[in-house]
């Protein structure tokens, strides 16, 4: 019991709070456009699919935890009784809600306003599966507001919209849009990349060539379909490409610039929204040798070279296991079995209608697979993942969703507190690497734990402090709560409060999917009993929420 008091006290002392607004006058309606790609695909598309039977409340929670920014009680009730496929199909048919539309409706003059719009849409948007997949893709196809791009808010939102639009589309189309995006062109220096010029001692920039291969498509070593590395007779992983390959791709990616650029070297016009356009005089038209020894003939245009190069990358056997495994890690579990990766890779390579690279099919395969649905039962010691800091916050705010979010809500500096922000990675290598393994028991058991790379003594405290501020000091039963913060709505919990067992059963399902341990429940009951005086009902409720939301049980997705 002493631990409970110390936890809250410590968090309170360390919490340096700034504004984080919520409910109030200026609610902003979310806009929708037409759905992008919304396939309805058979559940049997993936080998070893889980039985497509009606979900219990607890099973519905797990599906929502993997496919949304956090379960709400009404979402659990709606999904419960449906099959997983039914819920996935419904989500894939919903109109997309784009970040740029939200930014147009916001105070776009405010610093990092696109981050505030991202929070708003992560919490309120109906197309939750698309939003969650786009966030996962943003951590693979990384563009960051760092390095001087933070002022290009509409450019950043436009880039994120590419991920939203193609979340259930085809990976080849996604690669094409990402490659020609001017913000990516700026970030990885494809924009303004010039053909070799010995007189001026210019060689093509290799940055985009290197990262599209290493991070966006195939990785550095040859892979088997189950994601394991191919090795030589001595067990050394076989490289997927070499420096000469990078140099040839670098020559492919020459001769592109802003769509409205009036000068290739020093343009004054900078269009960060339209796809980059080719400048033939700066494109290297010599022959090139790509992956697998594929030759590009001399004399081709920049467009022809680019399309052929993207086809060459997209059709490399590594793309399926490389991308599928990372999507599994972002949505379901850090350590998928080789069989899980192999089954999803097979869908990436060819879905039921013969299409390669269908992300709709891949996402459905990931969520429908037996390991996703039953892994917590089959491999209880290794299945699951540490929740990312952003998702811990969205899960809280969705669980107790404010009736409205104030127009002036501002949490644009989330990256400083949480070490994570949308399109805010410190480098192209994301906030954490997919193969990071925490030293100690995790590493000694041959497991990886990507999210642990941004978890240390300092970040644990700041995340706990942010949760404390967002729960204890920003709820709709606190009279002096700042209306511009995110004001959580605890009305339903206050109705349950007179019946402690009913309240804890409710919080157990809403925050933990019904897996609250006996020990945690006992601690919560004790804490609530310590606040037995009159007028303390809301304090009992929010402290119970805080204790559960900051528990180790809530920090892990199972």
Foldseek 3Di string as FASTA:
>chain_A
DVVLVVLLVLLVVPFDDDFFFFFDDAFDDFDFDAAFDQDQADLVFFPQFDPQFFAALLLQQQLCQLQFLADAPVSSVVRGGGGSSVVLNVLSRDTFGALLRQCVRAPVVDQLVSLVSLLVCSQDPPSGNLNLLLLLLCQQLAFACPPPNRNVSSLLRLLSVLSSNQLQPFLLVSVVQSLQQQSNCVQQVLQLFFPDDVVVRHAQRLRVLVSCCCGVFFHFFHADQLRHFDAPPVRHTHTQDDPLQSSLVSLLSWFWHAPPFPDSPDGPDHDRNDGIDGDQVGHQQPWGAHGPRDIDHGPDGSVVSVSVRSVVRQPPLRRLLNVLLSSLVSRWWLDDDSSLSNRLSVCCCQTPVGDHRRSSSSVSSSCRRPCRSCVCPVPVVGTFAFDQLSSLVSNVCNHQPDPGAHSLRDDSVVCVLRVDTRSHAPGSCGSWHSADADPDPRVVVVGHHGRCSPDDPRNLSSSLSVLCCQQVQAAPVDPPRRNNRHHGYCPVLLVCQVPLVVSVCVLCCRQQSVPDDPVLSVVLVVVLVVQPDPPCSSVSNSSSNSSSSSDPSNRISD
